[in-house]
PDB file of all heavy atoms in Angstrom:
ATOM      1  N   ILE A   1       0.830  -1.200   0.002  1.00  0.00           N
ATOM      2  CA  ILE A   1      -0.008  -0.007  -0.009  1.00  0.00           C
ATOM      3  C   ILE A   1       0.859   1.248  -0.014  1.00  0.00           C
ATOM      4  O   ILE A   1       0.613   2.220  -0.736  1.00  0.00           O
ATOM      5  CB  ILE A   1      -0.959  -0.038   1.207  1.00  0.00           C
ATOM      6  CG1 ILE A   1      -1.970  -1.167   1.067  1.00  0.00           C
ATOM      7  CG2 ILE A   1      -1.669   1.318   1.383  1.00  0.00           C
ATOM      8  CD1 ILE A   1      -2.755  -1.440   2.356  1.00  0.00           C
ATOM      9  N   ALA A   2       1.922   1.240   0.799  1.00  0.00           N
ATOM     10  CA  ALA A   2       2.857   2.401   0.829  1.00  0.00           C
ATOM     11  C   ALA A   2       3.521   2.619  -0.553  1.00  0.00           C
ATOM     12  O   ALA A   2       3.592   3.753  -1.026  1.00  0.00           O
ATOM     13  CB  ALA A   2       3.918   2.206   1.913  1.00  0.00           C
ATOM     14  N   ASP A   3       3.902   1.518  -1.187  1.00  0.00           N
ATOM     15  CA  ASP A   3       4.505   1.658  -2.553  1.00  0.00           C
ATOM     16  C   ASP A   3       3.476   2.153  -3.559  1.00  0.00           C
ATOM     17  O   ASP A   3       3.801   3.001  -4.387  1.00  0.00           O
ATOM     18  CB  ASP A   3       5.078   0.297  -2.988  1.00  0.00           C
ATOM     19  CG  ASP A   3       6.268  -0.149  -2.166  1.00  0.00           C
ATOM     20  OD1 ASP A   3       6.880   0.691  -1.481  1.00  0.00           O
ATOM     21  OD2 ASP A   3       6.573  -1.350  -2.235  1.00  0.00           O
ATOM     22  N   LEU A   4       2.264   1.618  -3.500  1.00  0.00           N
ATOM     23  CA  LEU A   4       1.195   2.049  -4.410  1.00  0.00           C
ATOM     24  C   LEU A   4       0.940   3.518  -4.219  1.00  0.00           C
ATOM     25  O   LEU A   4       0.779   4.289  -5.187  1.00  0.00           O
ATOM     26  CB  LEU A   4      -0.084   1.230  -4.138  1.00  0.00           C
ATOM     27  CG  LEU A   4      -1.382   1.825  -4.721  1.00  0.00           C
ATOM     28  CD1 LEU A   4      -1.351   1.739  -6.248  1.00  0.00           C
ATOM     29  CD2 LEU A   4      -2.593   1.110  -4.149  1.00  0.00           C
ATOM     30  N   THR A   5       0.848   3.965  -2.977  1.00  0.00           N
ATOM     31  CA  THR A   5       0.558   5.380  -2.681  1.00  0.00           C
ATOM     32  C   THR A   5       1.625   6.298  -3.246  1.00  0.00           C
ATOM     33  O   THR A   5       1.313   7.313  -3.862  1.00  0.00           O
ATOM     34  CB  THR A   5       0.374   5.593  -1.188  1.00  0.00           C
ATOM     35  OG1 THR A   5      -0.696   4.748  -0.705  1.00  0.00           O
ATOM     36  CG2 THR A   5       0.038   7.058  -0.831  1.00  0.00           C
ATOM     37  N   LYS A   6       2.879   5.895  -3.088  1.00  0.00           N
ATOM     38  CA  LYS A   6       3.972   6.699  -3.651  1.00  0.00           C
ATOM     39  C   LYS A   6       3.863   6.790  -5.178  1.00  0.00           C
ATOM     40  O   LYS A   6       3.999   7.850  -5.761  1.00  0.00           O
ATOM     41  CB  LYS A   6       5.343   6.100  -3.259  1.00  0.00           C
ATOM     42  CG  LYS A   6       6.468   6.940  -3.777  1.00  0.00           C
ATOM     43  CD  LYS A   6       7.810   6.427  -3.286  1.00  0.00           C
ATOM     44  CE  LYS A   6       8.903   7.328  -3.829  1.00  0.00           C
ATOM     45  NZ  LYS A   6      10.203   7.031  -3.292  1.00  0.00           N
ATOM     46  N   THR A   7       3.541   5.665  -5.805  1.00  0.00           N
ATOM     47  CA  THR A   7       3.378   5.633  -7.288  1.00  0.00           C
ATOM     48  C   THR A   7       2.191   6.508  -7.710  1.00  0.00           C
ATOM     49  O   THR A   7       2.294   7.344  -8.619  1.00  0.00           O
ATOM     50  CB  THR A   7       3.186   4.212  -7.789  1.00  0.00           C
ATOM     51  OG1 THR A   7       4.367   3.453  -7.460  1.00  0.00           O
ATOM     52  CG2 THR A   7       2.937   4.165  -9.274  1.00  0.00           C
ATOM     53  N   ALA A   8       1.067   6.338  -7.029  1.00  0.00           N
ATOM     54  CA  ALA A   8      -0.165   7.075  -7.418  1.00  0.00           C
ATOM     55  C   ALA A   8       0.002   8.573  -7.226  1.00  0.00           C
ATOM     56  O   ALA A   8      -0.524   9.361  -8.009  1.00  0.00           O
ATOM     57  CB  ALA A   8      -1.356   6.541  -6.620  1.00  0.00           C
ATOM     58  N   TYR A   9       0.703   8.956  -6.200  1.00  0.00           N
ATOM     59  CA  TYR A   9       0.849  10.398  -5.899  1.00  0.00           C
ATOM     60  C   TYR A   9       2.069  11.019  -6.594  1.00  0.00           C
ATOM     61  O   TYR A   9       2.252  12.246  -6.524  1.00  0.00           O
ATOM     62  CB  TYR A   9       0.940  10.622  -4.379  1.00  0.00           C
ATOM     63  CG  TYR A   9      -0.375  10.624  -3.673  1.00  0.00           C
ATOM     64  CD1 TYR A   9      -1.259   9.544  -3.750  1.00  0.00           C
ATOM     65  CD2 TYR A   9      -0.778  11.724  -2.907  1.00  0.00           C
ATOM     66  CE1 TYR A   9      -2.473   9.554  -3.104  1.00  0.00           C
ATOM     67  CE2 TYR A   9      -2.003  11.736  -2.250  1.00  0.00           C
ATOM     68  CZ  TYR A   9      -2.840  10.630  -2.367  1.00  0.00           C
ATOM     69  OH  TYR A   9      -4.039  10.618  -1.718  1.00  0.00           O
ATOM     70  N   GLY A  10       2.860  10.189  -7.246  1.00  0.00           N
ATOM     71  CA  GLY A  10       4.048  10.667  -7.884  1.00  0.00           C
ATOM     72  C   GLY A  10       3.844  11.794  -8.874  1.00  0.00           C
ATOM     73  O   GLY A  10       4.717  12.657  -9.070  1.00  0.00           O
ATOM     74  N   GLU A  11       2.699  11.822  -9.534  1.00  0.00           N
ATOM     75  CA  GLU A  11       2.424  12.851 -10.517  1.00  0.00           C
ATOM     76  C   GLU A  11       2.389  14.256  -9.922  1.00  0.00           C
ATOM     77  O   GLU A  11       2.563  15.235 -10.628  1.00  0.00           O
ATOM     78  CB  GLU A  11       1.125  12.574 -11.250  1.00  0.00           C
ATOM     79  CG  GLU A  11      -0.113  12.736 -10.324  1.00  0.00           C
ATOM     80  CD  GLU A  11      -1.425  12.300 -10.972  1.00  0.00           C
ATOM     81  OE1 GLU A  11      -1.676  11.101 -11.051  1.00  0.00           O
ATOM     82  OE2 GLU A  11      -2.152  13.208 -11.449  1.00  0.00           O
ATOM     83  N   TYR A  12       2.186  14.362  -8.619  1.00  0.00           N
ATOM     84  CA  TYR A  12       2.088  15.668  -7.978  1.00  0.00           C
ATOM     85  C   TYR A  12       3.443  16.242  -7.597  1.00  0.00           C
ATOM     86  O   TYR A  12       3.561  17.439  -7.324  1.00  0.00           O
ATOM     87  CB  TYR A  12       1.199  15.595  -6.752  1.00  0.00           C
ATOM     88  CG  TYR A  12      -0.154  15.020  -6.988  1.00  0.00           C
ATOM     89  CD1 TYR A  12      -0.602  13.893  -6.316  1.00  0.00           C
ATOM     90  CD2 TYR A  12      -1.018  15.621  -7.935  1.00  0.00           C
ATOM     91  CE1 TYR A  12      -1.864  13.371  -6.575  1.00  0.00           C
ATOM     92  CE2 TYR A  12      -2.269  15.093  -8.214  1.00  0.00           C
ATOM     93  CZ  TYR A  12      -2.704  13.979  -7.511  1.00  0.00           C
ATOM     94  OH  TYR A  12      -3.931  13.442  -7.744  1.00  0.00           O
ATOM     95  N   ALA A  13       4.440  15.420  -7.567  1.00  0.00           N
ATOM     96  CA  ALA A  13       5.778  15.831  -7.119  1.00  0.00           C
ATOM     97  C   ALA A  13       6.327  17.018  -7.949  1.00  0.00           C
ATOM     98  O   ALA A  13       6.929  17.927  -7.392  1.00  0.00           O
ATOM     99  CB  ALA A  13       6.752  14.670  -7.135  1.00  0.00           C
ATOM    100  N   LYS A  14       6.086  16.982  -9.227  1.00  0.00           N
ATOM    101  CA  LYS A  14       6.713  18.012 -10.111  1.00  0.00           C
ATOM    102  C   LYS A  14       6.114  19.399  -9.825  1.00  0.00           C
ATOM    103  O   LYS A  14       6.768  20.404 -10.100  1.00  0.00           O
ATOM    104  CB  LYS A  14       6.532  17.655 -11.584  1.00  0.00           C
ATOM    105  CG  LYS A  14       5.076  17.659 -12.052  1.00  0.00           C
ATOM    106  CD  LYS A  14       4.998  17.172 -13.492  1.00  0.00           C
ATOM    107  CE  LYS A  14       3.597  17.171 -14.043  1.00  0.00           C
ATOM    108  NZ  LYS A  14       2.443  16.973 -13.238  1.00  0.00           N
ATOM    109  N   ASP A  15       4.903  19.469  -9.267  1.00  0.00           N
ATOM    110  CA  ASP A  15       4.267  20.756  -9.001  1.00  0.00           C
ATOM    111  C   ASP A  15       4.348  21.203  -7.539  1.00  0.00           C
ATOM    112  O   ASP A  15       3.859  22.228  -7.193  1.00  0.00           O
ATOM    113  CB  ASP A  15       2.773  20.688  -9.416  1.00  0.00           C
ATOM    114  CG  ASP A  15       2.642  20.459 -10.901  1.00  0.00           C
ATOM    115  OD1 ASP A  15       3.380  21.069 -11.683  1.00  0.00           O
ATOM    116  OD2 ASP A  15       1.738  19.675 -11.298  1.00  0.00           O
ATOM    117  N   ALA A  16       4.984  20.348  -6.727  1.00  0.00           N
ATOM    118  CA  ALA A  16       5.080  20.652  -5.304  1.00  0.00           C
ATOM    119  C   ALA A  16       6.437  21.161  -4.898  1.00  0.00           C
ATOM    120  O   ALA A  16       7.419  20.920  -5.586  1.00  0.00           O
ATOM    121  CB  ALA A  16       4.793  19.384  -4.488  1.00  0.00           C
ATOM    122  N   ASP A  17       6.465  21.916  -3.813  1.00  0.00           N
ATOM    123  CA  ASP A  17       7.750  22.340  -3.243  1.00  0.00           C
ATOM    124  C   ASP A  17       8.553  21.091  -2.926  1.00  0.00           C
ATOM    125  O   ASP A  17       8.095  20.168  -2.228  1.00  0.00           O
ATOM    126  CB  ASP A  17       7.483  23.166  -1.967  1.00  0.00           C
ATOM    127  CG  ASP A  17       8.751  23.544  -1.257  1.00  0.00           C
ATOM    128  OD1 ASP A  17       9.283  24.598  -1.580  1.00  0.00           O
ATOM    129  OD2 ASP A  17       9.152  22.750  -0.351  1.00  0.00           O
ATOM    130  N   PRO A  18       9.819  21.011  -3.400  1.00  0.00           N
ATOM    131  CA  PRO A  18      10.633  19.804  -3.187  1.00  0.00           C
ATOM    132  C   PRO A  18      10.823  19.431  -1.738  1.00  0.00           C
ATOM    133  O   PRO A  18      10.798  18.234  -1.389  1.00  0.00           O
ATOM    134  CB  PRO A  18      11.956  20.134  -3.867  1.00  0.00           C
ATOM    135  CG  PRO A  18      11.660  21.221  -4.812  1.00  0.00           C
ATOM    136  CD  PRO A  18      10.527  21.988  -4.241  1.00  0.00           C
ATOM    137  N   ASP A  19      11.070  20.384  -0.860  1.00  0.00           N
ATOM    138  CA  ASP A  19      11.258  20.075   0.549  1.00  0.00           C
ATOM    139  C   ASP A  19       9.972  19.532   1.169  1.00  0.00           C
ATOM    140  O   ASP A  19       9.976  18.592   1.909  1.00  0.00           O
ATOM    141  CB  ASP A  19      11.706  21.332   1.333  1.00  0.00           C
ATOM    142  CG  ASP A  19      13.122  21.743   0.934  1.00  0.00           C
ATOM    143  OD1 ASP A  19      13.919  20.865   0.487  1.00  0.00           O
ATOM    144  OD2 ASP A  19      13.425  22.913   1.048  1.00  0.00           O
ATOM    145  N   PHE A  20       8.860  20.168   0.806  1.00  0.00           N
ATOM    146  CA  PHE A  20       7.564  19.711   1.313  1.00  0.00           C
ATOM    147  C   PHE A  20       7.322  18.298   0.806  1.00  0.00           C
ATOM    148  O   PHE A  20       6.890  17.417   1.585  1.00  0.00           O
ATOM    149  CB  PHE A  20       6.427  20.635   0.868  1.00  0.00           C
ATOM    150  CG  PHE A  20       5.068  19.990   1.012  1.00  0.00           C
ATOM    151  CD1 PHE A  20       4.517  19.837   2.260  1.00  0.00           C
ATOM    152  CD2 PHE A  20       4.389  19.563  -0.093  1.00  0.00           C
ATOM    153  CE1 PHE A  20       3.256  19.245   2.407  1.00  0.00           C
ATOM    154  CE2 PHE A  20       3.113  18.976   0.045  1.00  0.00           C
ATOM    155  CZ  PHE A  20       2.569  18.835   1.292  1.00  0.00           C
ATOM    156  N   TRP A  21       7.556  18.035  -0.489  1.00  0.00           N
ATOM    157  CA  TRP A  21       7.242  16.724  -1.044  1.00  0.00           C
ATOM    158  C   TRP A  21       8.059  15.634  -0.391  1.00  0.00           C
ATOM    159  O   TRP A  21       7.551  14.544  -0.124  1.00  0.00           O
ATOM    160  CB  TRP A  21       7.411  16.727  -2.572  1.00  0.00           C
ATOM    161  CG  TRP A  21       6.719  15.562  -3.138  1.00  0.00           C
ATOM    162  CD1 TRP A  21       7.277  14.397  -3.609  1.00  0.00           C
ATOM    163  CD2 TRP A  21       5.319  15.362  -3.224  1.00  0.00           C
ATOM    164  NE1 TRP A  21       6.313  13.508  -3.993  1.00  0.00           N
ATOM    165  CE2 TRP A  21       5.100  14.096  -3.790  1.00  0.00           C
ATOM    166  CE3 TRP A  21       4.213  16.160  -2.875  1.00  0.00           C
ATOM    167  CZ2 TRP A  21       3.824  13.597  -3.992  1.00  0.00           C
ATOM    168  CZ3 TRP A  21       2.941  15.660  -3.112  1.00  0.00           C
ATOM    169  CH2 TRP A  21       2.754  14.403  -3.659  1.00  0.00           C
ATOM    170  N   SER A  22       9.329  15.890  -0.173  1.00  0.00           N
ATOM    171  CA  SER A  22      10.181  14.894   0.495  1.00  0.00           C
ATOM    172  C   SER A  22       9.642  14.558   1.874  1.00  0.00           C
ATOM    173  O   SER A  22       9.542  13.397   2.263  1.00  0.00           O
ATOM    174  CB  SER A  22      11.600  15.437   0.573  1.00  0.00           C
ATOM    175  OG  SER A  22      12.418  14.570   1.304  1.00  0.00           O
ATOM    176  N   MET A  23       9.254  15.613   2.643  1.00  0.00           N
ATOM    177  CA  MET A  23       8.692  15.414   3.998  1.00  0.00           C
ATOM    178  C   MET A  23       7.352  14.659   3.869  1.00  0.00           C
ATOM    179  O   MET A  23       7.111  13.726   4.618  1.00  0.00           O
ATOM    180  CB  MET A  23       8.444  16.757   4.670  1.00  0.00           C
ATOM    181  CG  MET A  23       7.711  16.648   5.990  1.00  0.00           C
ATOM    182  SD  MET A  23       6.905  18.185   6.492  1.00  0.00           S
ATOM    183  CE  MET A  23       5.733  18.425   5.197  1.00  0.00           C
ATOM    184  N   TYR A  24       6.540  15.036   2.910  1.00  0.00           N
ATOM    185  CA  TYR A  24       5.200  14.389   2.727  1.00  0.00           C
ATOM    186  C   TYR A  24       5.378  12.902   2.426  1.00  0.00           C
ATOM    187  O   TYR A  24       4.701  12.065   3.040  1.00  0.00           O
ATOM    188  CB  TYR A  24       4.449  15.112   1.596  1.00  0.00           C
ATOM    189  CG  TYR A  24       3.074  14.535   1.332  1.00  0.00           C
ATOM    190  CD1 TYR A  24       2.030  14.821   2.166  1.00  0.00           C
ATOM    191  CD2 TYR A  24       2.865  13.754   0.197  1.00  0.00           C
ATOM    192  CE1 TYR A  24       0.764  14.306   1.940  1.00  0.00           C
ATOM    193  CE2 TYR A  24       1.598  13.235  -0.046  1.00  0.00           C
ATOM    194  CZ  TYR A  24       0.569  13.512   0.840  1.00  0.00           C
ATOM    195  OH  TYR A  24      -0.689  13.011   0.597  1.00  0.00           O
ATOM    196  N   GLU A  25       6.241  12.549   1.508  1.00  0.00           N
ATOM    197  CA  GLU A  25       6.438  11.159   1.162  1.00  0.00           C
ATOM    198  C   GLU A  25       6.949  10.368   2.378  1.00  0.00           C
ATOM    199  O   GLU A  25       6.475   9.228   2.597  1.00  0.00           O
ATOM    200  CB  GLU A  25       7.427  10.992  -0.001  1.00  0.00           C
ATOM    201  CG  GLU A  25       6.786  11.271  -1.351  1.00  0.00           C
ATOM    202  CD  GLU A  25       7.709  10.890  -2.513  1.00  0.00           C
ATOM    203  OE1 GLU A  25       8.930  10.980  -2.358  1.00  0.00           O
ATOM    204  OE2 GLU A  25       7.163  10.511  -3.560  1.00  0.00           O
ATOM    205  N   SER A  26       7.875  10.917   3.090  1.00  0.00           N
ATOM    206  CA  SER A  26       8.429  10.240   4.266  1.00  0.00           C
ATOM    207  C   SER A  26       7.369  10.004   5.328  1.00  0.00           C
ATOM    208  O   SER A  26       7.224   8.891   5.874  1.00  0.00           O
ATOM    209  CB  SER A  26       9.595  11.037   4.803  1.00  0.00           C
ATOM    210  OG  SER A  26      10.062  10.475   5.999  1.00  0.00           O
ATOM    211  N   ARG A  27       6.606  11.037   5.638  1.00  0.00           N
ATOM    212  CA  ARG A  27       5.557  10.919   6.666  1.00  0.00           C
ATOM    213  C   ARG A  27       4.448   9.983   6.226  1.00  0.00           C
ATOM    214  O   ARG A  27       3.899   9.205   7.049  1.00  0.00           O
ATOM    215  CB  ARG A  27       4.978  12.286   6.997  1.00  0.00           C
ATOM    216  CG  ARG A  27       5.896  13.140   7.826  1.00  0.00           C
ATOM    217  CD  ARG A  27       5.249  14.429   8.214  1.00  0.00           C
ATOM    218  NE  ARG A  27       6.139  15.241   9.025  1.00  0.00           N
ATOM    219  CZ  ARG A  27       5.853  16.468   9.395  1.00  0.00           C
ATOM    220  NH1 ARG A  27       4.741  17.040   9.079  1.00  0.00           N
ATOM    221  NH2 ARG A  27       6.729  17.152  10.109  1.00  0.00           N
ATOM    222  N   THR A  28       4.112  10.027   4.940  1.00  0.00           N
ATOM    223  CA  THR A  28       3.045   9.152   4.407  1.00  0.00           C
ATOM    224  C   THR A  28       3.486   7.689   4.538  1.00  0.00           C
ATOM    225  O   THR A  28       2.709   6.841   4.993  1.00  0.00           O
ATOM    226  CB  THR A  28       2.743   9.509   2.951  1.00  0.00           C
ATOM    227  OG1 THR A  28       2.220  10.837   2.909  1.00  0.00           O
ATOM    228  CG2 THR A  28       1.737   8.564   2.362  1.00  0.00           C
ATOM    229  N   ARG A  29       4.702   7.402   4.119  1.00  0.00           N
ATOM    230  CA  ARG A  29       5.200   6.001   4.207  1.00  0.00           C
ATOM    231  C   ARG A  29       5.218   5.542   5.664  1.00  0.00           C
ATOM    232  O   ARG A  29       4.761   4.418   5.962  1.00  0.00           O
ATOM    233  CB  ARG A  29       6.576   5.905   3.581  1.00  0.00           C
ATOM    234  CG  ARG A  29       7.076   4.474   3.539  1.00  0.00           C
ATOM    235  CD  ARG A  29       8.242   4.266   2.575  1.00  0.00           C
ATOM    236  NE  ARG A  29       8.498   2.870   2.403  1.00  0.00           N
ATOM    237  CZ  ARG A  29       7.833   2.084   1.500  1.00  0.00           C
ATOM    238  NH1 ARG A  29       6.917   2.591   0.755  1.00  0.00           N
ATOM    239  NH2 ARG A  29       8.115   0.803   1.431  1.00  0.00           N
ATOM    240  N   ASP A  30       5.717   6.389   6.565  1.00  0.00           N
ATOM    241  CA  ASP A  30       5.750   6.016   7.969  1.00  0.00           C
ATOM    242  C   ASP A  30       4.378   5.741   8.517  1.00  0.00           C
ATOM    243  O   ASP A  30       4.124   4.764   9.216  1.00  0.00           O
ATOM    244  CB  ASP A  30       6.460   7.140   8.779  1.00  0.00           C
ATOM    245  CG  ASP A  30       6.552   6.796  10.218  1.00  0.00           C
ATOM    246  OD1 ASP A  30       7.197   5.775  10.557  1.00  0.00           O
ATOM    247  OD2 ASP A  30       5.987   7.538  11.055  1.00  0.00           O
ATOM    248  N   LEU A  31       3.411   6.588   8.161  1.00  0.00           N
ATOM    249  CA  LEU A  31       2.041   6.436   8.610  1.00  0.00           C
ATOM    250  C   LEU A  31       1.481   5.100   8.128  1.00  0.00           C
ATOM    251  O   LEU A  31       0.902   4.315   8.879  1.00  0.00           O
ATOM    252  CB  LEU A  31       1.194   7.583   8.078  1.00  0.00           C
ATOM    253  CG  LEU A  31      -0.325   7.538   8.346  1.00  0.00           C
ATOM    254  CD1 LEU A  31      -0.579   8.176   9.707  1.00  0.00           C
ATOM    255  CD2 LEU A  31      -1.040   8.303   7.272  1.00  0.00           C
ATOM    256  N   LEU A  32       1.649   4.837   6.813  1.00  0.00           N
ATOM    257  CA  LEU A  32       1.064   3.599   6.207  1.00  0.00           C
ATOM    258  C   LEU A  32       1.707   2.321   6.784  1.00  0.00           C
ATOM    259  O   LEU A  32       1.050   1.299   6.874  1.00  0.00           O
ATOM    260  CB  LEU A  32       1.203   3.672   4.707  1.00  0.00           C
ATOM    261  CG  LEU A  32       0.297   4.671   4.037  1.00  0.00           C
ATOM    262  CD1 LEU A  32       0.689   4.870   2.568  1.00  0.00           C
ATOM    263  CD2 LEU A  32      -1.155   4.288   4.170  1.00  0.00           C
ATOM    264  N   LEU A  33       2.973   2.404   7.128  1.00  0.00           N
ATOM    265  CA  LEU A  33       3.690   1.213   7.610  1.00  0.00           C
ATOM    266  C   LEU A  33       3.502   0.956   9.124  1.00  0.00           C
ATOM    267  O   LEU A  33       3.634  -0.180   9.542  1.00  0.00           O
ATOM    268  CB  LEU A  33       5.174   1.302   7.282  1.00  0.00           C
ATOM    269  CG  LEU A  33       5.552   1.222   5.830  1.00  0.00           C
ATOM    270  CD1 LEU A  33       7.077   1.432   5.684  1.00  0.00           C
ATOM    271  CD2 LEU A  33       5.115  -0.054   5.179  1.00  0.00           C
ATOM    272  N   ASN A  34       3.240   2.022   9.866  1.00  0.00           N
ATOM    273  CA  ASN A  34       3.301   1.883  11.308  1.00  0.00           C
ATOM    274  C   ASN A  34       2.077   2.244  12.140  1.00  0.00           C
ATOM    275  O   ASN A  34       1.976   1.766  13.261  1.00  0.00           O
ATOM    276  CB  ASN A  34       4.494   2.711  11.816  1.00  0.00           C
ATOM    277  CG  ASN A  34       5.796   2.269  11.208  1.00  0.00           C
ATOM    278  OD1 ASN A  34       6.132   1.089  11.304  1.00  0.00           O
ATOM    279  ND2 ASN A  34       6.518   3.176  10.576  1.00  0.00           N
TER     280      ASN A  34
END
């Protein structure tokens, strides 16, 4: 599910602030796994 979410949301990365996106992906993965 964490991998799927990263793939599905990947299209938004190009339009997002890079620092925010990095934080968002990390927090999302942690949330989904734990």
